[in-house]
Amino acid sequence: MKTIKRLAAITFAALMLAANAGSQTNQAAVFKKVFNGITAAQASAAVTNIGQTMHLIYVFFPTQSSTQTGIQVRIEGSYDNSVYFPLSEDITDAPLLGGIVYNVAAAFGPWPYIRVRSLTTAPAAMTVYYSGHTLPAISVIQERSDRFIL
């Protein structure tokens, strides 16, 4: 009888560990298209927060084939979802790299609320993606080219 109880307890513990591990791996990152083809200045709604500490934004100009300037896009954070402050450097241009017009910015740290903000009118339709990760993989983007050194 003791052997059956021990076996049941070990099986239950293994199932609980497997269920816990699965939930953590499923929620290690947040990916969201925050703007799709915008040209006007605007701020996104707060993105889903799962405790991410590395934040990346990718600004694309899918219909363009030359460097785009005159933009100002950044990651912002807030403690109360009403007063936001910049977390990343502003993206002010999107060069043509490897046949795609884009740029990337990163910010680090846990914040209760994260959003993406475009402060200027874009010269062409701009699409912006946000990616947040609970385990930072890199501390800085060391090169701005068609390949990044991680």
Protein backbone atom coordinates (compact mmCIF):
# COMPACT_ATOMS: atom_id res chain seq x y z
CA MET A 1 0.00 0.00 0.00
CA LYS A 2 2.84 2.41 0.85
CA THR A 3 4.46 1.71 -2.52
CA ILE A 4 1.27 2.64 -4.37
CA LYS A 5 0.92 5.88 -2.37
CA ARG A 6 4.55 6.78 -3.03
CA LEU A 7 4.19 6.01 -6.73
CA ALA A 8 1.01 8.12 -6.89
CA ALA A 9 2.75 11.02 -5.09
CA ILE A 10 5.77 10.86 -7.42
CA THR A 11 3.50 10.73 -10.49
CA PHE A 12 1.47 13.69 -9.22
CA ALA A 13 4.64 15.73 -8.53
CA ALA A 14 6.02 14.94 -12.00
CA LEU A 15 2.75 16.01 -13.63
CA MET A 16 2.73 19.28 -11.67
CA LEU A 17 6.33 20.03 -12.67
CA ALA A 18 5.58 19.29 -16.33
CA ALA A 19 2.47 21.50 -16.28
CA ASN A 20 4.40 24.33 -14.62
CA ALA A 21 7.29 24.08 -17.07
CA GLY A 22 4.91 24.12 -20.03
CA SER A 23 3.16 27.28 -18.84
CA GLN A 24 6.46 29.11 -18.39
CA THR A 25 7.76 28.27 -21.85
CA ASN A 26 4.49 29.30 -23.47
CA GLN A 27 4.64 32.74 -21.89
CA ALA A 28 8.28 33.72 -22.37
CA ALA A 29 7.56 36.37 -25.03
CA VAL A 30 4.95 38.80 -26.31
CA PHE A 31 4.69 39.63 -30.01
CA LYS A 32 2.27 42.24 -31.32
CA LYS A 33 1.72 44.32 -34.43
CA VAL A 34 1.06 47.68 -32.76
CA PHE A 35 0.67 49.81 -35.90
CA ASN A 36 -0.29 48.75 -39.40
CA GLY A 37 0.22 51.25 -42.24
CA ILE A 38 -0.02 54.39 -40.11
CA THR A 39 1.15 57.85 -41.14
CA ALA A 40 -0.22 59.98 -38.29
CA ALA A 41 1.39 60.49 -34.89
CA GLN A 42 -0.22 58.24 -32.28
CA ALA A 43 0.37 56.01 -29.28
CA SER A 44 -0.57 52.36 -29.01
CA ALA A 45 -2.57 50.85 -26.21
CA ALA A 46 -0.50 49.22 -23.48
CA VAL A 47 0.85 45.87 -24.67
CA THR A 48 0.30 42.64 -22.76
CA ASN A 49 2.59 42.48 -19.74
CA ILE A 50 3.89 39.08 -18.65
CA GLY A 51 6.90 40.50 -16.83
CA GLN A 52 9.07 41.04 -19.89
CA THR A 53 12.39 42.79 -19.27
CA MET A 54 13.64 43.12 -22.86
CA HIS A 55 11.56 45.22 -25.24
CA LEU A 56 12.16 45.56 -28.99
CA ILE A 57 10.35 47.53 -31.67
CA TYR A 58 10.72 46.99 -35.38
CA VAL A 59 9.70 49.85 -37.68
CA PHE A 60 9.03 48.81 -41.29
CA PHE A 61 8.13 50.72 -44.45
CA PRO A 62 6.93 47.80 -46.60
CA THR A 63 6.01 49.89 -49.65
CA GLN A 64 9.26 51.86 -49.80
CA SER A 65 12.62 51.10 -51.40
CA SER A 66 14.74 53.97 -50.05
CA THR A 67 15.75 55.31 -46.64
CA GLN A 68 12.90 57.02 -44.78
CA THR A 69 13.69 59.97 -42.52
CA GLY A 70 11.65 62.38 -40.45
CA ILE A 71 10.16 59.75 -38.15
CA GLN A 72 10.28 59.52 -34.37
CA VAL A 73 9.17 56.21 -32.84
CA ARG A 74 9.98 54.97 -29.33
CA ILE A 75 9.11 52.53 -26.58
CA GLU A 76 7.51 54.16 -23.55
CA GLY A 77 6.83 52.89 -20.04
CA SER A 78 4.53 53.89 -17.21
CA TYR A 79 3.83 53.04 -13.60
CA ASP A 80 0.13 54.02 -13.74
CA ASN A 81 -0.92 53.72 -17.44
CA SER A 82 -1.43 57.49 -17.65
CA VAL A 83 1.97 59.21 -17.44
CA TYR A 84 4.41 57.63 -19.91
CA PHE A 85 8.14 58.26 -20.30
CA PRO A 86 10.65 57.16 -22.98
CA LEU A 87 12.49 53.88 -22.40
CA SER A 88 14.35 53.56 -25.70
CA GLU A 89 16.23 55.82 -28.02
CA ASP A 90 14.02 57.29 -30.70
CA ILE A 91 14.09 55.72 -34.13
CA THR A 92 14.51 58.72 -36.43
CA ASP A 93 15.21 56.98 -39.72
CA ALA A 94 14.69 53.64 -41.41
CA PRO A 95 17.50 52.75 -43.83
CA LEU A 96 17.26 50.30 -46.71
CA LEU A 97 19.02 47.18 -45.39
CA GLY A 98 19.03 43.94 -47.32
CA GLY A 99 16.17 45.08 -49.53
CA ILE A 100 13.91 46.07 -46.61
CA VAL A 101 13.39 49.57 -45.19
CA TYR A 102 13.41 49.15 -41.40
CA ASN A 103 15.02 49.98 -38.08
CA VAL A 104 15.10 48.44 -34.59
CA ALA A 105 15.19 49.90 -31.07
CA ALA A 106 15.58 48.14 -27.72
CA ALA A 107 14.81 48.95 -24.08
CA PHE A 108 15.44 46.95 -20.94
CA GLY A 109 13.74 46.67 -17.57
CA PRO A 110 10.44 45.55 -16.09
CA TRP A 111 7.70 48.17 -16.27
CA PRO A 112 4.04 47.77 -15.32
CA TYR A 113 2.86 49.32 -18.61
CA ILE A 114 4.60 49.43 -22.01
CA ARG A 115 3.43 51.12 -25.19
CA VAL A 116 4.84 52.22 -28.55
CA ARG A 117 4.52 55.82 -29.67
CA SER A 118 5.00 57.56 -33.00
CA LEU A 119 5.59 61.26 -32.35
CA THR A 120 5.64 62.52 -35.93
CA THR A 121 3.77 62.11 -39.18
CA ALA A 122 5.45 59.34 -41.15
CA PRO A 123 6.51 60.05 -44.76
CA ALA A 124 4.87 56.77 -45.92
CA ALA A 125 2.79 53.93 -44.51
CA MET A 126 4.64 52.57 -41.49
CA THR A 127 4.15 49.23 -39.74
CA VAL A 128 5.52 48.70 -36.23
CA TYR A 129 5.92 45.43 -34.33
CA TYR A 130 6.63 45.04 -30.61
CA SER A 131 8.43 42.08 -29.09
CA GLY A 132 8.96 41.65 -25.35
CA HIS A 133 10.85 38.83 -23.65
CA THR A 134 11.00 37.72 -20.03
CA LEU A 135 14.63 36.59 -20.35
CA PRO A 136 16.82 39.17 -22.09
CA ALA A 137 18.92 37.57 -24.78
CA ILE A 138 21.10 40.56 -25.64
CA SER A 139 22.09 43.77 -23.89
CA VAL A 140 22.62 45.93 -26.97
CA ILE A 141 22.38 45.73 -30.70
CA GLN A 142 26.03 46.15 -31.59
CA GLU A 143 25.70 46.80 -35.30
CA ARG A 144 23.15 48.42 -37.55
CA SER A 145 23.29 46.56 -40.80
CA ASP A 146 21.39 43.78 -42.47
CA ARG A 147 22.83 41.44 -39.81
CA PHE A 148 23.07 41.95 -36.07
CA ILE A 149 25.83 40.67 -33.80
CA LEU A 150 24.08 39.15 -30.81
